[in-house]
N, C-alpha and C. Protein backbone atom coordinates (compact mmCIF):
# COMPACT_ATOMS: atom_id res chain seq x y z
N MET A 1 170.53 9.97 -50.81
CA MET A 1 169.60 9.82 -49.70
C MET A 1 168.50 10.87 -49.81
N GLU A 2 167.27 10.43 -49.57
CA GLU A 2 166.12 11.32 -49.68
C GLU A 2 166.12 12.35 -48.55
N LYS A 3 165.74 13.57 -48.90
CA LYS A 3 165.64 14.63 -47.90
C LYS A 3 164.40 14.41 -47.04
N HIS A 4 164.52 14.67 -45.77
CA HIS A 4 163.40 14.61 -44.84
C HIS A 4 163.21 15.98 -44.21
N TYR A 5 161.98 16.24 -43.80
CA TYR A 5 161.62 17.55 -43.28
C TYR A 5 161.08 17.42 -41.86
N SER A 6 161.41 18.39 -41.04
CA SER A 6 160.88 18.42 -39.67
C SER A 6 159.43 18.90 -39.71
N ILE A 7 158.72 18.71 -38.62
CA ILE A 7 157.34 19.16 -38.53
C ILE A 7 157.27 20.69 -38.72
N GLN A 8 158.25 21.40 -38.21
CA GLN A 8 158.31 22.85 -38.36
C GLN A 8 158.43 23.24 -39.84
N GLU A 9 159.32 22.55 -40.55
CA GLU A 9 159.53 22.84 -41.97
C GLU A 9 158.27 22.55 -42.79
N VAL A 10 157.64 21.43 -42.50
CA VAL A 10 156.42 21.05 -43.22
C VAL A 10 155.32 22.07 -42.93
N SER A 11 155.18 22.45 -41.68
CA SER A 11 154.17 23.43 -41.29
C SER A 11 154.37 24.74 -42.06
N GLN A 12 155.61 25.19 -42.15
CA GLN A 12 155.91 26.43 -42.85
C GLN A 12 155.72 26.29 -44.37
N LYS A 13 156.20 25.20 -44.94
CA LYS A 13 156.11 24.99 -46.39
C LYS A 13 154.66 24.89 -46.88
N LEU A 14 153.84 24.15 -46.13
CA LEU A 14 152.49 23.86 -46.59
C LEU A 14 151.41 24.68 -45.88
N GLY A 15 151.79 25.43 -44.87
CA GLY A 15 150.79 26.24 -44.17
C GLY A 15 149.82 25.41 -43.35
N ILE A 16 150.27 24.27 -42.89
CA ILE A 16 149.43 23.39 -42.06
C ILE A 16 149.93 23.52 -40.63
N PRO A 17 149.05 23.85 -39.68
CA PRO A 17 149.49 23.96 -38.29
C PRO A 17 150.12 22.65 -37.78
N LYS A 18 151.10 22.80 -36.92
CA LYS A 18 151.77 21.61 -36.38
C LYS A 18 150.79 20.70 -35.64
N ASP A 19 149.82 21.28 -34.94
CA ASP A 19 148.83 20.45 -34.26
C ASP A 19 148.04 19.59 -35.25
N THR A 20 147.75 20.15 -36.41
CA THR A 20 147.04 19.39 -37.44
C THR A 20 147.91 18.25 -37.95
N LEU A 21 149.20 18.51 -38.16
CA LEU A 21 150.12 17.45 -38.60
C LEU A 21 150.20 16.34 -37.57
N ARG A 22 150.25 16.71 -36.30
CA ARG A 22 150.27 15.70 -35.23
C ARG A 22 148.98 14.89 -35.24
N TYR A 23 147.86 15.57 -35.45
CA TYR A 23 146.56 14.88 -35.50
C TYR A 23 146.53 13.89 -36.67
N TYR A 24 146.98 14.31 -37.84
CA TYR A 24 147.03 13.41 -39.00
C TYR A 24 147.86 12.17 -38.68
N ASP A 25 148.96 12.36 -37.98
CA ASP A 25 149.81 11.23 -37.59
C ASP A 25 149.05 10.33 -36.61
N ARG A 26 148.38 10.94 -35.64
CA ARG A 26 147.65 10.18 -34.62
C ARG A 26 146.55 9.32 -35.24
N ILE A 27 145.83 9.85 -36.26
CA ILE A 27 144.74 9.08 -36.87
C ILE A 27 145.23 8.21 -38.03
N GLY A 28 146.52 8.32 -38.36
CA GLY A 28 147.11 7.44 -39.37
C GLY A 28 146.88 7.87 -40.80
N ILE A 29 146.53 9.12 -41.02
CA ILE A 29 146.30 9.58 -42.40
C ILE A 29 147.62 9.89 -43.09
N VAL A 30 148.59 10.42 -42.36
CA VAL A 30 149.97 10.62 -42.83
C VAL A 30 150.85 10.28 -41.64
N SER A 31 151.66 9.26 -41.79
CA SER A 31 152.51 8.81 -40.69
C SER A 31 153.97 8.95 -41.08
N PRO A 32 154.59 10.05 -40.69
CA PRO A 32 156.01 10.23 -41.02
C PRO A 32 156.87 9.26 -40.23
N SER A 33 158.09 9.09 -40.71
CA SER A 33 159.02 8.22 -39.97
C SER A 33 159.47 8.96 -38.71
N ARG A 34 160.09 8.22 -37.82
CA ARG A 34 160.58 8.80 -36.56
C ARG A 34 162.06 8.51 -36.44
N GLU A 35 162.76 9.49 -35.93
CA GLU A 35 164.18 9.30 -35.64
C GLU A 35 164.31 8.67 -34.26
N GLY A 36 165.53 8.37 -33.86
CA GLY A 36 165.78 7.80 -32.54
C GLY A 36 165.27 8.71 -31.43
N ASN A 37 165.24 10.02 -31.68
CA ASN A 37 164.74 10.96 -30.67
C ASN A 37 163.22 11.12 -30.73
N ARG A 38 162.55 10.32 -31.58
CA ARG A 38 161.09 10.29 -31.75
C ARG A 38 160.52 11.49 -32.50
N TYR A 39 161.40 12.35 -33.04
CA TYR A 39 160.92 13.48 -33.84
C TYR A 39 160.39 12.97 -35.17
N ARG A 40 159.29 13.56 -35.61
CA ARG A 40 158.72 13.19 -36.91
C ARG A 40 159.62 13.71 -38.02
N LYS A 41 159.81 12.87 -39.03
CA LYS A 41 160.57 13.25 -40.21
C LYS A 41 159.71 12.93 -41.43
N TYR A 42 159.36 13.96 -42.17
CA TYR A 42 158.47 13.83 -43.32
C TYR A 42 159.27 13.66 -44.60
N SER A 43 158.90 12.66 -45.40
CA SER A 43 159.54 12.43 -46.69
C SER A 43 158.85 13.29 -47.76
N THR A 44 159.41 13.29 -48.93
CA THR A 44 158.79 14.00 -50.05
C THR A 44 157.41 13.41 -50.34
N ASN A 45 157.28 12.08 -50.25
CA ASN A 45 155.97 11.45 -50.45
C ASN A 45 154.96 11.89 -49.39
N ASP A 46 155.42 12.07 -48.16
CA ASP A 46 154.53 12.57 -47.10
C ASP A 46 154.03 13.97 -47.46
N LEU A 47 154.92 14.82 -47.97
CA LEU A 47 154.53 16.18 -48.37
C LEU A 47 153.50 16.14 -49.50
N ILE A 48 153.72 15.24 -50.45
CA ILE A 48 152.76 15.09 -51.55
C ILE A 48 151.41 14.63 -51.00
N ASP A 49 151.43 13.66 -50.07
CA ASP A 49 150.19 13.21 -49.43
C ASP A 49 149.48 14.38 -48.75
N LEU A 50 150.23 15.19 -48.03
CA LEU A 50 149.65 16.33 -47.32
C LEU A 50 149.06 17.34 -48.29
N MET A 51 149.72 17.58 -49.40
CA MET A 51 149.17 18.49 -50.42
C MET A 51 147.88 17.91 -51.00
N ASN A 52 147.87 16.61 -51.26
CA ASN A 52 146.66 15.96 -51.76
C ASN A 52 145.52 16.04 -50.75
N ILE A 53 145.84 15.87 -49.49
CA ILE A 53 144.83 15.98 -48.44
C ILE A 53 144.22 17.38 -48.44
N GLN A 54 145.08 18.40 -48.55
CA GLN A 54 144.56 19.77 -48.58
C GLN A 54 143.63 19.98 -49.77
N ILE A 55 144.02 19.45 -50.92
CA ILE A 55 143.18 19.59 -52.12
C ILE A 55 141.86 18.87 -51.92
N MET A 56 141.91 17.65 -51.38
CA MET A 56 140.67 16.87 -51.17
C MET A 56 139.77 17.54 -50.14
N GLN A 57 140.35 18.12 -49.10
CA GLN A 57 139.53 18.84 -48.13
C GLN A 57 138.89 20.06 -48.78
N TYR A 58 139.63 20.73 -49.65
CA TYR A 58 139.08 21.87 -50.39
C TYR A 58 137.91 21.40 -51.24
N ALA A 59 137.99 20.17 -51.76
CA ALA A 59 136.93 19.58 -52.57
C ALA A 59 135.82 19.00 -51.69
N ASP A 60 135.89 19.25 -50.39
CA ASP A 60 134.83 18.88 -49.44
C ASP A 60 134.81 17.40 -49.07
N PHE A 61 135.96 16.73 -49.17
CA PHE A 61 136.06 15.37 -48.66
C PHE A 61 136.39 15.46 -47.17
N SER A 62 135.77 14.60 -46.37
CA SER A 62 136.09 14.55 -44.94
C SER A 62 137.38 13.77 -44.74
N LEU A 63 137.99 13.93 -43.58
CA LEU A 63 139.20 13.16 -43.28
C LEU A 63 138.91 11.66 -43.28
N ASP A 64 137.73 11.27 -42.79
CA ASP A 64 137.36 9.84 -42.81
C ASP A 64 137.29 9.33 -44.25
N GLU A 65 136.70 10.14 -45.15
CA GLU A 65 136.63 9.73 -46.55
C GLU A 65 138.04 9.63 -47.15
N ILE A 66 138.86 10.61 -46.85
CA ILE A 66 140.22 10.61 -47.38
C ILE A 66 140.99 9.40 -46.88
N LYS A 67 140.90 9.17 -45.59
CA LYS A 67 141.63 8.04 -44.99
C LYS A 67 141.10 6.71 -45.52
N GLY A 68 139.79 6.60 -45.66
CA GLY A 68 139.19 5.33 -46.06
C GLY A 68 139.31 5.01 -47.53
N LYS A 69 139.37 6.03 -48.37
CA LYS A 69 139.29 5.78 -49.81
C LYS A 69 140.58 6.05 -50.58
N PHE A 70 141.49 6.80 -50.02
CA PHE A 70 142.62 7.24 -50.82
C PHE A 70 143.96 6.72 -50.34
N ALA A 71 143.96 5.53 -49.78
CA ALA A 71 145.22 4.94 -49.31
C ALA A 71 145.87 4.08 -50.40
N PHE A 72 145.27 4.01 -51.59
CA PHE A 72 145.76 3.11 -52.62
C PHE A 72 147.19 3.41 -53.06
N HIS A 73 147.62 4.67 -52.95
CA HIS A 73 148.98 5.00 -53.37
C HIS A 73 150.03 4.37 -52.46
N ARG A 74 149.62 3.91 -51.31
CA ARG A 74 150.56 3.28 -50.38
C ARG A 74 150.66 1.78 -50.60
N LEU A 75 149.76 1.25 -51.41
CA LEU A 75 149.75 -0.18 -51.66
C LEU A 75 150.84 -0.55 -52.66
N GLY A 76 151.41 -1.73 -52.49
CA GLY A 76 152.43 -2.19 -53.42
C GLY A 76 151.84 -2.47 -54.79
N LYS A 77 150.72 -3.15 -54.81
CA LYS A 77 150.03 -3.49 -56.05
C LYS A 77 148.62 -2.92 -55.96
N VAL A 78 148.23 -2.18 -56.98
CA VAL A 78 146.91 -1.55 -56.96
C VAL A 78 145.87 -2.52 -57.51
N ASP A 79 144.83 -2.75 -56.75
CA ASP A 79 143.74 -3.64 -57.11
C ASP A 79 142.76 -2.89 -58.03
N PRO A 80 142.51 -3.39 -59.24
CA PRO A 80 141.59 -2.72 -60.17
C PRO A 80 140.18 -2.54 -59.59
N ASP A 81 139.70 -3.52 -58.83
CA ASP A 81 138.38 -3.40 -58.21
C ASP A 81 138.35 -2.25 -57.22
N TYR A 82 139.42 -2.12 -56.46
CA TYR A 82 139.53 -1.02 -55.50
C TYR A 82 139.54 0.32 -56.23
N CYS A 83 140.27 0.39 -57.33
CA CYS A 83 140.32 1.63 -58.12
C CYS A 83 138.94 1.99 -58.65
N ARG A 84 138.19 1.00 -59.13
CA ARG A 84 136.82 1.25 -59.61
C ARG A 84 135.94 1.74 -58.47
N GLU A 85 136.09 1.14 -57.30
CA GLU A 85 135.30 1.56 -56.13
C GLU A 85 135.60 3.03 -55.79
N VAL A 86 136.87 3.38 -55.80
CA VAL A 86 137.26 4.76 -55.51
C VAL A 86 136.74 5.70 -56.59
N ALA A 87 136.81 5.28 -57.84
CA ALA A 87 136.30 6.10 -58.95
C ALA A 87 134.80 6.35 -58.79
N GLU A 88 134.04 5.31 -58.42
CA GLU A 88 132.60 5.47 -58.19
C GLU A 88 132.34 6.42 -57.02
N PHE A 89 133.15 6.31 -55.99
CA PHE A 89 133.02 7.20 -54.84
C PHE A 89 133.27 8.66 -55.27
N ILE A 90 134.31 8.87 -56.07
CA ILE A 90 134.62 10.22 -56.55
C ILE A 90 133.49 10.75 -57.43
N GLU A 91 132.95 9.90 -58.29
CA GLU A 91 131.84 10.32 -59.15
C GLU A 91 130.62 10.72 -58.32
N ALA A 92 130.33 9.95 -57.27
CA ALA A 92 129.21 10.28 -56.38
C ALA A 92 129.46 11.61 -55.68
N LYS A 93 130.68 11.81 -55.24
CA LYS A 93 131.04 13.07 -54.57
C LYS A 93 130.90 14.24 -55.55
N ASN A 94 131.29 14.02 -56.79
CA ASN A 94 131.17 15.06 -57.81
C ASN A 94 129.70 15.37 -58.09
N ALA A 95 128.85 14.36 -58.14
CA ALA A 95 127.41 14.59 -58.34
C ALA A 95 126.84 15.43 -57.19
N GLU A 96 127.26 15.11 -55.98
CA GLU A 96 126.86 15.87 -54.80
C GLU A 96 127.31 17.33 -54.92
N THR A 97 128.54 17.52 -55.38
CA THR A 97 129.09 18.87 -55.56
C THR A 97 128.30 19.63 -56.62
N ARG A 98 127.94 18.97 -57.70
CA ARG A 98 127.16 19.63 -58.75
C ARG A 98 125.79 20.06 -58.24
N LYS A 99 125.18 19.25 -57.37
CA LYS A 99 123.89 19.64 -56.76
C LYS A 99 124.06 20.89 -55.91
N LYS A 100 125.15 20.94 -55.15
CA LYS A 100 125.42 22.12 -54.32
C LYS A 100 125.62 23.35 -55.19
N ILE A 101 126.33 23.18 -56.30
CA ILE A 101 126.57 24.30 -57.22
C ILE A 101 125.24 24.80 -57.78
N ALA A 102 124.37 23.88 -58.21
CA ALA A 102 123.06 24.27 -58.74
C ALA A 102 122.27 25.02 -57.68
N HIS A 103 122.31 24.54 -56.45
CA HIS A 103 121.61 25.21 -55.35
C HIS A 103 122.18 26.62 -55.14
N LEU A 104 123.50 26.73 -55.11
CA LEU A 104 124.13 28.03 -54.89
C LEU A 104 123.86 28.99 -56.04
N GLU A 105 123.74 28.47 -57.26
CA GLU A 105 123.39 29.33 -58.39
C GLU A 105 121.98 29.89 -58.21
N LYS A 106 121.05 29.06 -57.72
CA LYS A 106 119.69 29.55 -57.45
C LYS A 106 119.70 30.60 -56.34
N VAL A 107 120.49 30.34 -55.31
CA VAL A 107 120.59 31.31 -54.21
C VAL A 107 121.16 32.62 -54.73
N SER A 108 122.18 32.54 -55.57
CA SER A 108 122.80 33.74 -56.14
C SER A 108 121.78 34.51 -56.99
N GLN A 109 121.02 33.78 -57.79
CA GLN A 109 119.98 34.40 -58.61
C GLN A 109 118.95 35.10 -57.71
N LEU A 110 118.56 34.44 -56.65
CA LEU A 110 117.59 35.02 -55.72
C LEU A 110 118.14 36.28 -55.07
N LEU A 111 119.40 36.24 -54.64
CA LEU A 111 120.00 37.41 -53.99
C LEU A 111 120.14 38.58 -54.97
N ASP A 112 120.53 38.28 -56.21
CA ASP A 112 120.59 39.33 -57.24
C ASP A 112 119.23 39.97 -57.44
N LEU A 113 118.21 39.13 -57.55
CA LEU A 113 116.85 39.62 -57.76
C LEU A 113 116.35 40.42 -56.56
N ALA A 114 116.67 39.95 -55.36
CA ALA A 114 116.26 40.67 -54.15
C ALA A 114 116.91 42.05 -54.10
N ALA A 115 118.20 42.13 -54.41
CA ALA A 115 118.90 43.42 -54.42
C ALA A 115 118.31 44.33 -55.48
N GLU A 116 118.05 43.78 -56.67
CA GLU A 116 117.46 44.57 -57.76
C GLU A 116 116.07 45.07 -57.36
N THR A 117 115.28 44.21 -56.73
CA THR A 117 113.94 44.59 -56.29
C THR A 117 114.00 45.73 -55.28
N LEU A 118 114.93 45.64 -54.35
CA LEU A 118 115.03 46.67 -53.31
C LEU A 118 115.58 47.99 -53.86
N ARG A 119 116.42 47.93 -54.89
CA ARG A 119 116.95 49.17 -55.49
C ARG A 119 115.85 49.97 -56.17
N ASP A 120 114.94 49.26 -56.83
CA ASP A 120 113.86 49.92 -57.56
C ASP A 120 112.55 49.25 -57.20
N TYR A 121 112.15 49.42 -55.96
CA TYR A 121 110.99 48.70 -55.43
C TYR A 121 109.70 49.20 -56.09
N ASN A 122 108.96 48.25 -56.67
CA ASN A 122 107.62 48.51 -57.20
C ASN A 122 106.86 47.19 -57.20
N HIS A 123 105.59 47.26 -57.52
CA HIS A 123 104.74 46.06 -57.46
C HIS A 123 105.25 44.97 -58.41
N GLU A 124 105.64 45.36 -59.62
CA GLU A 124 106.10 44.37 -60.61
C GLU A 124 107.37 43.66 -60.15
N SER A 125 108.33 44.42 -59.64
CA SER A 125 109.58 43.79 -59.19
C SER A 125 109.32 42.91 -57.96
N ASP A 126 108.40 43.35 -57.09
CA ASP A 126 108.05 42.55 -55.90
C ASP A 126 107.41 41.23 -56.33
N GLN A 127 106.55 41.26 -57.33
CA GLN A 127 105.90 40.04 -57.81
C GLN A 127 106.90 39.09 -58.48
N ARG A 128 107.85 39.67 -59.21
CA ARG A 128 108.90 38.85 -59.85
C ARG A 128 109.73 38.14 -58.77
N LEU A 129 110.06 38.88 -57.71
CA LEU A 129 110.81 38.29 -56.60
C LEU A 129 109.99 37.19 -55.92
N ALA A 130 108.72 37.47 -55.68
CA ALA A 130 107.84 36.49 -55.03
C ALA A 130 107.73 35.22 -55.87
N LYS A 131 107.64 35.37 -57.19
CA LYS A 131 107.56 34.20 -58.08
C LYS A 131 108.84 33.37 -57.98
N THR A 132 109.99 34.02 -57.97
CA THR A 132 111.26 33.30 -57.85
C THR A 132 111.36 32.60 -56.50
N VAL A 133 110.95 33.26 -55.44
CA VAL A 133 110.96 32.66 -54.11
C VAL A 133 110.08 31.41 -54.09
N ARG A 134 108.87 31.51 -54.68
CA ARG A 134 107.97 30.34 -54.74
C ARG A 134 108.61 29.18 -55.49
N GLU A 135 109.25 29.47 -56.63
CA GLU A 135 109.88 28.42 -57.43
C GLU A 135 110.99 27.72 -56.64
N ILE A 136 111.79 28.51 -55.98
CA ILE A 136 112.87 27.92 -55.18
C ILE A 136 112.29 27.13 -54.01
N TYR A 137 111.27 27.67 -53.37
CA TYR A 137 110.62 26.98 -52.25
C TYR A 137 110.06 25.63 -52.70
N LEU A 138 109.38 25.62 -53.85
CA LEU A 138 108.80 24.37 -54.35
C LEU A 138 109.90 23.37 -54.71
N ASP A 139 111.00 23.87 -55.24
CA ASP A 139 112.13 23.00 -55.57
C ASP A 139 112.70 22.38 -54.29
N ILE A 140 112.85 23.19 -53.26
CA ILE A 140 113.35 22.69 -51.97
C ILE A 140 112.36 21.69 -51.40
N ARG A 141 111.08 22.01 -51.50
CA ARG A 141 110.03 21.16 -50.94
C ARG A 141 110.05 19.77 -51.57
N LYS A 142 110.38 19.68 -52.84
CA LYS A 142 110.48 18.38 -53.52
C LYS A 142 111.56 17.52 -52.87
N LYS A 143 112.63 18.18 -52.44
CA LYS A 143 113.76 17.44 -51.87
C LYS A 143 113.57 17.18 -50.39
N GLU A 144 112.78 18.02 -49.71
CA GLU A 144 112.58 17.90 -48.27
C GLU A 144 111.09 17.87 -47.98
N PRO A 145 110.48 16.68 -48.01
CA PRO A 145 109.03 16.57 -47.89
C PRO A 145 108.46 17.03 -46.54
N GLY A 146 109.27 17.26 -45.54
CA GLY A 146 108.77 17.67 -44.24
C GLY A 146 108.41 19.14 -44.15
N ILE A 147 108.71 19.93 -45.17
CA ILE A 147 108.41 21.36 -45.13
C ILE A 147 106.93 21.56 -45.39
N PRO A 148 106.22 22.34 -44.55
CA PRO A 148 104.78 22.53 -44.73
C PRO A 148 104.46 23.36 -45.97
N GLU A 149 103.23 23.19 -46.49
CA GLU A 149 102.83 23.85 -47.71
C GLU A 149 102.35 25.28 -47.51
N GLU A 150 101.89 25.64 -46.33
CA GLU A 150 101.31 26.96 -46.18
C GLU A 150 102.30 28.05 -46.59
N GLY A 151 101.76 29.05 -47.24
CA GLY A 151 102.60 30.14 -47.69
C GLY A 151 103.22 29.89 -49.05
N CYS A 152 103.01 28.69 -49.57
CA CYS A 152 103.65 28.33 -50.83
C CYS A 152 102.89 28.86 -52.04
N HIS A 153 101.58 28.95 -51.94
CA HIS A 153 100.75 29.29 -53.11
C HIS A 153 100.24 30.72 -53.04
N GLY A 154 101.11 31.65 -53.08
CA GLY A 154 100.65 33.03 -53.11
C GLY A 154 101.54 33.89 -52.26
N HIS A 155 101.51 35.14 -52.61
CA HIS A 155 102.36 36.11 -51.90
C HIS A 155 101.47 37.20 -51.38
N GLN A 156 101.57 37.43 -50.12
CA GLN A 156 100.79 38.49 -49.50
C GLN A 156 101.62 39.76 -49.55
N GLY A 157 101.17 40.79 -50.17
CA GLY A 157 101.99 41.97 -50.23
C GLY A 157 101.21 43.14 -50.33
């Protein structure tokens, strides 16, 4: 017979608050079985689902995305079209993540340069910082056309 775990045990094992486990049950993302006393009993598969949910949330998937796209493991027969749809969704999410990484790398570069400029402040380092700020601003402006142009073409210093 398969071992089942109480909500307390699952909370302790996985570090998920009991209120969160109850919420997951309420929205149907992980629905443990119930005993005659109505206590939730989590199977090993439920624990695996919960671990996967934690990983997907770490990867910046929303609960709606997780619930809507990753229920295929509960299906008796996996539909190849559904698997392709999920794969495309994951690829799109990964492309989004790569854009965020590129943005954060630029931010990190800017912060490094700003700190370096402030450590040894001079006209040359200030101009180098201003040039980097302009490049990042123009890159942002390409993606967000509502940002005004003033201040973009030159640094007052």
